[in-house]
Amino acid sequence: MSAYIIARVAIRDREAYQPYLDRTPGVVAKYGGRFVVRGGALETLEGPAETRRVVVLAFDDMAAARRFYESADYQAIVPLRQAASEGQLILVEGVAGQP
């Protein structure tokens, strides 16, 4: 069953965040993930206004998403993100029978 990592990130220092942006696509692809959403236009339809950058990564299953997140490759660049931003990453299982 597919799985998704959803990130909501408030970037404090765009210049310092850029190396993370540059390196992430290769690491995501290496672990079988793909970007479904990577920033882009955002409109809050209900609830408190969302002002953070939203990213959605898709993986084949929860185990694949965890392998990506826990990998030495990704953990090596996490400090770049954390030093330049504040945010939340969540892992959520997809709907059975859907890609």
PDB file of N, CA and C in Angstrom:
ATOM      1  N   MET A   1       0.844  -1.170   0.000  1.00  0.00           N
ATOM      2  CA  MET A   1       0.000   0.000   0.000  1.00  0.00           C
ATOM      3  C   MET A   1       0.899   1.246   0.000  1.00  0.00           C
ATOM      4  N   SER A   2       0.573   2.211  -0.828  1.00  0.00           N
ATOM      5  CA  SER A   2       1.389   3.414  -0.931  1.00  0.00           C
ATOM      6  C   SER A   2       1.480   4.145   0.405  1.00  0.00           C
ATOM      7  N   ALA A   3       2.493   4.975   0.517  1.00  0.00           N
ATOM      8  CA  ALA A   3       2.703   5.767   1.724  1.00  0.00           C
ATOM      9  C   ALA A   3       3.242   7.131   1.303  1.00  0.00           C
ATOM     10  N   TYR A   4       2.989   8.112   2.138  1.00  0.00           N
ATOM     11  CA  TYR A   4       3.369   9.486   1.826  1.00  0.00           C
ATOM     12  C   TYR A   4       4.056  10.134   3.016  1.00  0.00           C
ATOM     13  N   ILE A   5       5.081  10.893   2.721  1.00  0.00           N
ATOM     14  CA  ILE A   5       5.673  11.778   3.721  1.00  0.00           C
ATOM     15  C   ILE A   5       5.199  13.173   3.359  1.00  0.00           C
ATOM     16  N   ILE A   6       4.562  13.828   4.303  1.00  0.00           N
ATOM     17  CA  ILE A   6       4.049  15.177   4.107  1.00  0.00           C
ATOM     18  C   ILE A   6       4.857  16.114   4.991  1.00  0.00           C
ATOM     19  N   ALA A   7       5.412  17.125   4.384  1.00  0.00           N
ATOM     20  CA  ALA A   7       6.217  18.102   5.123  1.00  0.00           C
ATOM     21  C   ALA A   7       5.557  19.472   5.019  1.00  0.00           C
ATOM     22  N   ARG A   8       5.530  20.176   6.131  1.00  0.00           N
ATOM     23  CA  ARG A   8       5.104  21.577   6.170  1.00  0.00           C
ATOM     24  C   ARG A   8       6.265  22.322   6.803  1.00  0.00           C
ATOM     25  N   VAL A   9       6.865  23.214   6.029  1.00  0.00           N
ATOM     26  CA  VAL A   9       8.131  23.818   6.435  1.00  0.00           C
ATOM     27  C   VAL A   9       8.082  25.340   6.317  1.00  0.00           C
ATOM     28  N   ALA A  10       8.463  26.016   7.381  1.00  0.00           N
ATOM     29  CA  ALA A  10       8.635  27.470   7.362  1.00  0.00           C
ATOM     30  C   ALA A  10      10.129  27.745   7.206  1.00  0.00           C
ATOM     31  N   ILE A  11      10.503  28.263   6.065  1.00  0.00           N
ATOM     32  CA  ILE A  11      11.917  28.520   5.781  1.00  0.00           C
ATOM     33  C   ILE A  11      12.305  29.859   6.388  1.00  0.00           C
ATOM     34  N   ARG A  12      13.328  29.838   7.239  1.00  0.00           N
ATOM     35  CA  ARG A  12      13.826  31.062   7.877  1.00  0.00           C
ATOM     36  C   ARG A  12      14.939  31.711   7.060  1.00  0.00           C
ATOM     37  N   ASP A  13      15.745  30.884   6.410  1.00  0.00           N
ATOM     38  CA  ASP A  13      16.907  31.383   5.668  1.00  0.00           C
ATOM     39  C   ASP A  13      16.973  30.661   4.327  1.00  0.00           C
ATOM     40  N   ARG A  14      16.447  31.303   3.278  1.00  0.00           N
ATOM     41  CA  ARG A  14      16.349  30.678   1.954  1.00  0.00           C
ATOM     42  C   ARG A  14      17.716  30.277   1.413  1.00  0.00           C
ATOM     43  N   GLU A  15      18.707  31.127   1.599  1.00  0.00           N
ATOM     44  CA  GLU A  15      20.048  30.836   1.091  1.00  0.00           C
ATOM     45  C   GLU A  15      20.634  29.596   1.764  1.00  0.00           C
ATOM     46  N   ALA A  16      20.481  29.493   3.071  1.00  0.00           N
ATOM     47  CA  ALA A  16      20.988  28.339   3.804  1.00  0.00           C
ATOM     48  C   ALA A  16      20.177  27.076   3.503  1.00  0.00           C
ATOM     49  N   TYR A  17      18.927  27.233   3.100  1.00  0.00           N
ATOM     50  CA  TYR A  17      18.047  26.107   2.790  1.00  0.00           C
ATOM     51  C   TYR A  17      18.341  25.516   1.409  1.00  0.00           C
ATOM     52  N   GLN A  18      18.919  26.309   0.526  1.00  0.00           N
ATOM     53  CA  GLN A  18      19.127  25.899  -0.863  1.00  0.00           C
ATOM     54  C   GLN A  18      19.939  24.603  -1.019  1.00  0.00           C
ATOM     55  N   PRO A  19      21.018  24.400  -0.258  1.00  0.00           N
ATOM     56  CA  PRO A  19      21.746  23.128  -0.405  1.00  0.00           C
ATOM     57  C   PRO A  19      20.872  21.905  -0.097  1.00  0.00           C
ATOM     58  N   TYR A  20      19.950  22.042   0.837  1.00  0.00           N
ATOM     59  CA  TYR A  20      19.004  20.959   1.131  1.00  0.00           C
ATOM     60  C   TYR A  20      18.105  20.725  -0.079  1.00  0.00           C
ATOM     61  N   LEU A  21      17.577  21.802  -0.654  1.00  0.00           N
ATOM     62  CA  LEU A  21      16.731  21.688  -1.842  1.00  0.00           C
ATOM     63  C   LEU A  21      17.474  21.023  -2.995  1.00  0.00           C
ATOM     64  N   ASP A  22      18.735  21.355  -3.152  1.00  0.00           N
ATOM     65  CA  ASP A  22      19.537  20.810  -4.245  1.00  0.00           C
ATOM     66  C   ASP A  22      19.803  19.318  -4.093  1.00  0.00           C
ATOM     67  N   ARG A  23      19.996  18.864  -2.871  1.00  0.00           N
ATOM     68  CA  ARG A  23      20.389  17.473  -2.638  1.00  0.00           C
ATOM     69  C   ARG A  23      19.219  16.513  -2.456  1.00  0.00           C
ATOM     70  N   THR A  24      18.069  17.025  -2.059  1.00  0.00           N
ATOM     71  CA  THR A  24      16.936  16.160  -1.738  1.00  0.00           C
ATOM     72  C   THR A  24      16.440  15.313  -2.913  1.00  0.00           C
ATOM     73  N   PRO A  25      16.274  15.856  -4.126  1.00  0.00           N
ATOM     74  CA  PRO A  25      15.715  15.030  -5.206  1.00  0.00           C
ATOM     75  C   PRO A  25      16.489  13.741  -5.464  1.00  0.00           C
ATOM     76  N   GLY A  26      17.789  13.794  -5.450  1.00  0.00           N
ATOM     77  CA  GLY A  26      18.592  12.599  -5.680  1.00  0.00           C
ATOM     78  C   GLY A  26      18.406  11.555  -4.604  1.00  0.00           C
ATOM     79  N   VAL A  27      18.308  12.005  -3.359  1.00  0.00           N
ATOM     80  CA  VAL A  27      18.127  11.062  -2.249  1.00  0.00           C
ATOM     81  C   VAL A  27      16.729  10.455  -2.302  1.00  0.00           C
ATOM     82  N   VAL A  28      15.724  11.271  -2.572  1.00  0.00           N
ATOM     83  CA  VAL A  28      14.358  10.757  -2.686  1.00  0.00           C
ATOM     84  C   VAL A  28      14.305   9.681  -3.771  1.00  0.00           C
ATOM     85  N   ALA A  29      14.849   9.975  -4.940  1.00  0.00           N
ATOM     86  CA  ALA A  29      14.827   9.018  -6.053  1.00  0.00           C
ATOM     87  C   ALA A  29      15.601   7.743  -5.726  1.00  0.00           C
ATOM     88  N   LYS A  30      16.733   7.882  -5.052  1.00  0.00           N
ATOM     89  CA  LYS A  30      17.556   6.717  -4.701  1.00  0.00           C
ATOM     90  C   LYS A  30      16.764   5.704  -3.880  1.00  0.00           C
ATOM     91  N   TYR A  31      15.828   6.186  -3.069  1.00  0.00           N
ATOM     92  CA  TYR A  31      15.047   5.306  -2.200  1.00  0.00           C
ATOM     93  C   TYR A  31      13.650   5.032  -2.759  1.00  0.00           C
ATOM     94  N   GLY A  32      13.482   5.263  -4.057  1.00  0.00           N
ATOM     95  CA  GLY A  32      12.237   4.895  -4.721  1.00  0.00           C
ATOM     96  C   GLY A  32      11.092   5.853  -4.531  1.00  0.00           C
ATOM     97  N   GLY A  33      11.372   7.031  -4.017  1.00  0.00           N
ATOM     98  CA  GLY A  33      10.307   8.006  -3.807  1.00  0.00           C
ATOM     99  C   GLY A  33      10.164   8.948  -4.981  1.00  0.00           C
ATOM    100  N   ARG A  34       9.074   9.690  -4.968  1.00  0.00           N
ATOM    101  CA  ARG A  34       8.871  10.722  -5.971  1.00  0.00           C
ATOM    102  C   ARG A  34       8.121  11.885  -5.345  1.00  0.00           C
ATOM    103  N   PHE A  35       8.374  13.054  -5.872  1.00  0.00           N
ATOM    104  CA  PHE A  35       7.662  14.241  -5.407  1.00  0.00           C
ATOM    105  C   PHE A  35       6.274  14.267  -6.042  1.00  0.00           C
ATOM    106  N   VAL A  36       5.256  14.437  -5.221  1.00  0.00           N
ATOM    107  CA  VAL A  36       3.895  14.663  -5.686  1.00  0.00           C
ATOM    108  C   VAL A  36       3.623  16.163  -5.624  1.00  0.00           C
ATOM    109  N   VAL A  37       4.119  16.789  -4.569  1.00  0.00           N
ATOM    110  CA  VAL A  37       4.021  18.236  -4.365  1.00  0.00           C
ATOM    111  C   VAL A  37       5.381  18.699  -3.875  1.00  0.00           C
ATOM    112  N   ARG A  38       5.866  19.800  -4.432  1.00  0.00           N
ATOM    113  CA  ARG A  38       7.142  20.360  -3.956  1.00  0.00           C
ATOM    114  C   ARG A  38       7.027  21.876  -3.957  1.00  0.00           C
ATOM    115  N   GLY A  39       6.441  22.396  -2.881  1.00  0.00           N
ATOM    116  CA  GLY A  39       6.205  23.835  -2.834  1.00  0.00           C
ATOM    117  C   GLY A  39       5.013  24.155  -3.719  1.00  0.00           C
ATOM    118  N   GLY A  40       5.113  25.188  -4.503  1.00  0.00           N
ATOM    119  CA  GLY A  40       4.033  25.529  -5.430  1.00  0.00           C
ATOM    120  C   GLY A  40       2.944  26.345  -4.780  1.00  0.00           C
ATOM    121  N   ALA A  41       1.985  26.726  -5.603  1.00  0.00           N
ATOM    122  CA  ALA A  41       0.872  27.561  -5.144  1.00  0.00           C
ATOM    123  C   ALA A  41       0.093  26.830  -4.058  1.00  0.00           C
ATOM    124  N   LEU A  42      -0.372  27.590  -3.089  1.00  0.00           N
ATOM    125  CA  LEU A  42      -1.061  27.028  -1.933  1.00  0.00           C
ATOM    126  C   LEU A  42      -2.241  27.923  -1.586  1.00  0.00           C
ATOM    127  N   GLU A  43      -3.374  27.309  -1.322  1.00  0.00           N
ATOM    128  CA  GLU A  43      -4.568  28.043  -0.918  1.00  0.00           C
ATOM    129  C   GLU A  43      -5.233  27.280   0.214  1.00  0.00           C
ATOM    130  N   THR A  44      -5.445  27.930   1.330  1.00  0.00           N
ATOM    131  CA  THR A  44      -6.130  27.305   2.454  1.00  0.00           C
ATOM    132  C   THR A  44      -7.630  27.388   2.201  1.00  0.00           C
ATOM    133  N   LEU A  45      -8.302  26.258   2.215  1.00  0.00           N
ATOM    134  CA  LEU A  45      -9.748  26.231   1.975  1.00  0.00           C
ATOM    135  C   LEU A  45     -10.551  26.233   3.264  1.00  0.00           C
ATOM    136  N   GLU A  46      -9.992  25.653   4.327  1.00  0.00           N
ATOM    137  CA  GLU A  46     -10.649  25.644   5.637  1.00  0.00           C
ATOM    138  C   GLU A  46      -9.599  25.686   6.719  1.00  0.00           C
ATOM    139  N   GLY A  47      -9.977  26.173   7.880  1.00  0.00           N
ATOM    140  CA  GLY A  47      -9.079  26.199   9.025  1.00  0.00           C
ATOM    141  C   GLY A  47      -8.090  27.340   8.962  1.00  0.00           C
ATOM    142  N   PRO A  48      -7.123  27.324   9.888  1.00  0.00           N
ATOM    143  CA  PRO A  48      -6.128  28.393   9.945  1.00  0.00           C
ATOM    144  C   PRO A  48      -5.322  28.451   8.644  1.00  0.00           C
ATOM    145  N   ALA A  49      -4.972  29.636   8.236  1.00  0.00           N
ATOM    146  CA  ALA A  49      -4.203  29.820   7.001  1.00  0.00           C
ATOM    147  C   ALA A  49      -2.873  29.082   7.086  1.00  0.00           C
ATOM    148  N   GLU A  50      -2.567  28.321   6.049  1.00  0.00           N
ATOM    149  CA  GLU A  50      -1.277  27.626   5.965  1.00  0.00           C
ATOM    150  C   GLU A  50      -0.324  28.517   5.190  1.00  0.00           C
ATOM    151  N   THR A  51       0.769  28.859   5.817  1.00  0.00           N
ATOM    152  CA  THR A  51       1.743  29.744   5.181  1.00  0.00           C
ATOM    153  C   THR A  51       3.067  29.035   4.915  1.00  0.00           C
ATOM    154  N   ARG A  52       3.163  27.801   5.370  1.00  0.00           N
ATOM    155  CA  ARG A  52       4.420  27.061   5.206  1.00  0.00           C
ATOM    156  C   ARG A  52       4.498  26.402   3.835  1.00  0.00           C
ATOM    157  N   ARG A  53       5.702  26.066   3.436  1.00  0.00           N
ATOM    158  CA  ARG A  53       5.949  25.293   2.215  1.00  0.00           C
ATOM    159  C   ARG A  53       5.417  23.886   2.462  1.00  0.00           C
ATOM    160  N   VAL A  54       4.697  23.332   1.502  1.00  0.00           N
ATOM    161  CA  VAL A  54       4.146  21.993   1.629  1.00  0.00           C
ATOM    162  C   VAL A  54       4.809  21.094   0.588  1.00  0.00           C
ATOM    163  N   VAL A  55       5.269  19.931   1.054  1.00  0.00           N
ATOM    164  CA  VAL A  55       5.908  18.940   0.190  1.00  0.00           C
ATOM    165  C   VAL A  55       5.253  17.595   0.484  1.00  0.00           C
ATOM    166  N   VAL A  56       4.955  16.844  -0.582  1.00  0.00           N
ATOM    167  CA  VAL A  56       4.406  15.494  -0.433  1.00  0.00           C
ATOM    168  C   VAL A  56       5.282  14.549  -1.253  1.00  0.00           C
ATOM    169  N   LEU A  57       5.815  13.535  -0.585  1.00  0.00           N
ATOM    170  CA  LEU A  57       6.622  12.500  -1.230  1.00  0.00           C
ATOM    171  C   LEU A  57       5.826  11.209  -1.235  1.00  0.00           C
ATOM    172  N   ALA A  58       5.846  10.484  -2.342  1.00  0.00           N
ATOM    173  CA  ALA A  58       5.151   9.201  -2.442  1.00  0.00           C
ATOM    174  C   ALA A  58       6.158   8.063  -2.487  1.00  0.00           C
ATOM    175  N   PHE A  59       5.829   6.987  -1.789  1.00  0.00           N
ATOM    176  CA  PHE A  59       6.647   5.772  -1.759  1.00  0.00           C
ATOM    177  C   PHE A  59       5.735   4.570  -1.953  1.00  0.00           C
ATOM    178  N   ASP A  60       6.329   3.435  -2.290  1.00  0.00           N
ATOM    179  CA  ASP A  60       5.540   2.228  -2.517  1.00  0.00           C
ATOM    180  C   ASP A  60       4.798   1.762  -1.271  1.00  0.00           C
ATOM    181  N   ASP A  61       5.428   1.958  -0.113  1.00  0.00           N
ATOM    182  CA  ASP A  61       4.809   1.521   1.137  1.00  0.00           C
ATOM    183  C   ASP A  61       5.490   2.216   2.314  1.00  0.00           C
ATOM    184  N   MET A  62       4.964   1.973   3.503  1.00  0.00           N
ATOM    185  CA  MET A  62       5.495   2.606   4.711  1.00  0.00           C
ATOM    186  C   MET A  62       6.959   2.228   4.935  1.00  0.00           C
ATOM    187  N   ALA A  63       7.315   0.980   4.672  1.00  0.00           N
ATOM    188  CA  ALA A  63       8.693   0.533   4.886  1.00  0.00           C
ATOM    189  C   ALA A  63       9.651   1.293   3.971  1.00  0.00           C
ATOM    190  N   ALA A  64       9.267   1.515   2.726  1.00  0.00           N
ATOM    191  CA  ALA A  64      10.128   2.248   1.788  1.00  0.00           C
ATOM    192  C   ALA A  64      10.295   3.703   2.242  1.00  0.00           C
ATOM    193  N   ALA A  65       9.229   4.296   2.718  1.00  0.00           N
ATOM    194  CA  ALA A  65       9.310   5.681   3.204  1.00  0.00           C
ATOM    195  C   ALA A  65      10.236   5.768   4.417  1.00  0.00           C
ATOM    196  N   ARG A  66      10.132   4.799   5.311  1.00  0.00           N
ATOM    197  CA  ARG A  66      11.014   4.784   6.489  1.00  0.00           C
ATOM    198  C   ARG A  66      12.473   4.567   6.084  1.00  0.00           C
ATOM    199  N   ARG A  67      12.702   3.686   5.093  1.00  0.00           N
ATOM    200  CA  ARG A  67      14.084   3.461   4.626  1.00  0.00           C
ATOM    201  C   ARG A  67      14.679   4.776   4.113  1.00  0.00           C
ATOM    202  N   PHE A  68      13.894   5.529   3.370  1.00  0.00           N
ATOM    203  CA  PHE A  68      14.351   6.838   2.903  1.00  0.00           C
ATOM    204  C   PHE A  68      14.670   7.741   4.091  1.00  0.00           C
ATOM    205  N   TYR A  69      13.696   7.938   4.976  1.00  0.00           N
ATOM    206  CA  TYR A  69      13.858   8.887   6.088  1.00  0.00           C
ATOM    207  C   TYR A  69      15.011   8.493   7.003  1.00  0.00           C
ATOM    208  N   GLU A  70      15.159   7.228   7.289  1.00  0.00           N
ATOM    209  CA  GLU A  70      16.182   6.762   8.219  1.00  0.00           C
ATOM    210  C   GLU A  70      17.536   6.532   7.564  1.00  0.00           C
ATOM    211  N   SER A  71      17.621   6.664   6.250  1.00  0.00           N
ATOM    212  CA  SER A  71      18.871   6.386   5.543  1.00  0.00           C
ATOM    213  C   SER A  71      19.975   7.362   5.950  1.00  0.00           C
ATOM    214  N   ALA A  72      21.196   6.882   5.874  1.00  0.00           N
ATOM    215  CA  ALA A  72      22.353   7.751   6.135  1.00  0.00           C
ATOM    216  C   ALA A  72      22.385   8.897   5.133  1.00  0.00           C
ATOM    217  N   ASP A  73      21.957   8.633   3.896  1.00  0.00           N
ATOM    218  CA  ASP A  73      21.942   9.673   2.866  1.00  0.00           C
ATOM    219  C   ASP A  73      21.033  10.834   3.259  1.00  0.00           C
ATOM    220  N   TYR A  74      19.812  10.517   3.698  1.00  0.00           N
ATOM    221  CA  TYR A  74      18.888  11.591   4.071  1.00  0.00           C
ATOM    222  C   TYR A  74      19.288  12.226   5.399  1.00  0.00           C
ATOM    223  N   GLN A  75      19.645  11.409   6.360  1.00  0.00           N
ATOM    224  CA  GLN A  75      20.011  11.961   7.673  1.00  0.00           C
ATOM    225  C   GLN A  75      21.217  12.890   7.569  1.00  0.00           C
ATOM    226  N   ALA A  76      22.068  12.702   6.563  1.00  0.00           N
ATOM    227  CA  ALA A  76      23.215  13.593   6.365  1.00  0.00           C
ATOM    228  C   ALA A  76      22.785  15.001   5.963  1.00  0.00           C
ATOM    229  N   ILE A  77      21.612  15.131   5.324  1.00  0.00           N
ATOM    230  CA  ILE A  77      21.170  16.466   4.904  1.00  0.00           C
ATOM    231  C   ILE A  77      20.084  17.062   5.799  1.00  0.00           C
ATOM    232  N   VAL A  78      19.554  16.291   6.714  1.00  0.00           N
ATOM    233  CA  VAL A  78      18.550  16.804   7.655  1.00  0.00           C
ATOM    234  C   VAL A  78      19.056  18.047   8.400  1.00  0.00           C
ATOM    235  N   PRO A  79      20.310  18.070   8.872  1.00  0.00           N
ATOM    236  CA  PRO A  79      20.774  19.277   9.573  1.00  0.00           C
ATOM    237  C   PRO A  79      20.718  20.542   8.704  1.00  0.00           C
ATOM    238  N   LEU A  80      20.863  20.402   7.397  1.00  0.00           N
ATOM    239  CA  LEU A  80      20.736  21.569   6.516  1.00  0.00           C
ATOM    240  C   LEU A  80      19.324  22.141   6.591  1.00  0.00           C
ATOM    241  N   ARG A  81      18.333  21.253   6.563  1.00  0.00           N
ATOM    242  CA  ARG A  81      16.932  21.687   6.663  1.00  0.00           C
ATOM    243  C   ARG A  81      16.649  22.281   8.029  1.00  0.00           C
ATOM    244  N   GLN A  82      17.069  21.600   9.051  1.00  0.00           N
ATOM    245  CA  GLN A  82      16.765  22.046  10.406  1.00  0.00           C
ATOM    246  C   GLN A  82      17.433  23.362  10.767  1.00  0.00           C
ATOM    247  N   ALA A  83      18.610  23.617  10.226  1.00  0.00           N
ATOM    248  CA  ALA A  83      19.309  24.871  10.529  1.00  0.00           C
ATOM    249  C   ALA A  83      18.661  26.074   9.855  1.00  0.00           C
ATOM    250  N   ALA A  84      17.966  25.845   8.746  1.00  0.00           N
ATOM    251  CA  ALA A  84      17.426  26.951   7.960  1.00  0.00           C
ATOM    252  C   ALA A  84      15.909  27.053   8.007  1.00  0.00           C
ATOM    253  N   SER A  85      15.265  26.129   8.729  1.00  0.00           N
ATOM    254  CA  SER A  85      13.803  26.116   8.718  1.00  0.00           C
ATOM    255  C   SER A  85      13.258  25.462   9.981  1.00  0.00           C
ATOM    256  N   GLU A  86      11.951  25.535  10.088  1.00  0.00           N
ATOM    257  CA  GLU A  86      11.247  24.867  11.176  1.00  0.00           C
ATOM    258  C   GLU A  86      10.040  24.194  10.541  1.00  0.00           C
ATOM    259  N   GLY A  87       9.761  22.969  10.918  1.00  0.00           N
ATOM    260  CA  GLY A  87       8.634  22.316  10.276  1.00  0.00           C
ATOM    261  C   GLY A  87       8.223  21.016  10.897  1.00  0.00           C
ATOM    262  N   GLN A  88       7.393  20.316  10.147  1.00  0.00           N
ATOM    263  CA  GLN A  88       6.814  19.065  10.578  1.00  0.00           C
ATOM    264  C   GLN A  88       6.860  18.092   9.410  1.00  0.00           C
ATOM    265  N   LEU A  89       7.254  16.856   9.655  1.00  0.00           N
ATOM    266  CA  LEU A  89       7.184  15.788   8.673  1.00  0.00           C
ATOM    267  C   LEU A  89       6.326  14.684   9.258  1.00  0.00           C
ATOM    268  N   ILE A  90       5.358  14.214   8.469  1.00  0.00           N
ATOM    269  CA  ILE A  90       4.535  13.105   8.937  1.00  0.00           C
ATOM    270  C   ILE A  90       4.531  12.013   7.872  1.00  0.00           C
ATOM    271  N   LEU A  91       4.402  10.786   8.319  1.00  0.00           N
ATOM    272  CA  LEU A  91       4.319   9.627   7.447  1.00  0.00           C
ATOM    273  C   LEU A  91       2.901   9.099   7.542  1.00  0.00           C
ATOM    274  N   VAL A  92       2.254   8.933   6.390  1.00  0.00           N
ATOM    275  CA  VAL A  92       0.856   8.483   6.387  1.00  0.00           C
ATOM    276  C   VAL A  92       0.673   7.402   5.322  1.00  0.00           C
ATOM    277  N   GLU A  93      -0.101   6.396   5.682  1.00  0.00           N
ATOM    278  CA  GLU A  93      -0.381   5.307   4.757  1.00  0.00           C
ATOM    279  C   GLU A  93      -1.457   5.728   3.772  1.00  0.00           C
ATOM    280  N   GLY A  94      -1.309   5.301   2.517  1.00  0.00           N
ATOM    281  CA  GLY A  94      -2.283   5.611   1.476  1.00  0.00           C
ATOM    282  C   GLY A  94      -3.512   4.726   1.579  1.00  0.00           C
ATOM    283  N   VAL A  95      -4.384   4.857   0.600  1.00  0.00           N
ATOM    284  CA  VAL A  95      -5.625   4.097   0.547  1.00  0.00           C
ATOM    285  C   VAL A  95      -5.377   2.789  -0.204  1.00  0.00           C
ATOM    286  N   ALA A  96      -5.865   1.701   0.331  1.00  0.00           N
ATOM    287  CA  ALA A  96      -5.695   0.391  -0.301  1.00  0.00           C
ATOM    288  C   ALA A  96      -6.246   0.404  -1.712  1.00  0.00           C
ATOM    289  N   GLY A  97      -5.496  -0.202  -2.631  1.00  0.00           N
ATOM    290  CA  GLY A  97      -5.942  -0.311  -4.006  1.00  0.00           C
ATOM    291  C   GLY A  97      -5.671   0.900  -4.868  1.00  0.00           C
ATOM    292  N   GLN A  98      -5.068   1.934  -4.304  1.00  0.00           N
ATOM    293  CA  GLN A  98      -4.745   3.152  -5.044  1.00  0.00           C
ATOM    294  C   GLN A  98      -3.234   3.228  -5.232  1.00  0.00           C
ATOM    295  N   PRO A  99      -2.792   3.801  -6.376  1.00  0.00           N
ATOM    296  CA  PRO A  99      -1.332   3.904  -6.611  1.00  0.00           C
ATOM    297  C   PRO A  99      -0.680   4.889  -5.667  1.00  0.00           C
TER     298      PRO A  99
END
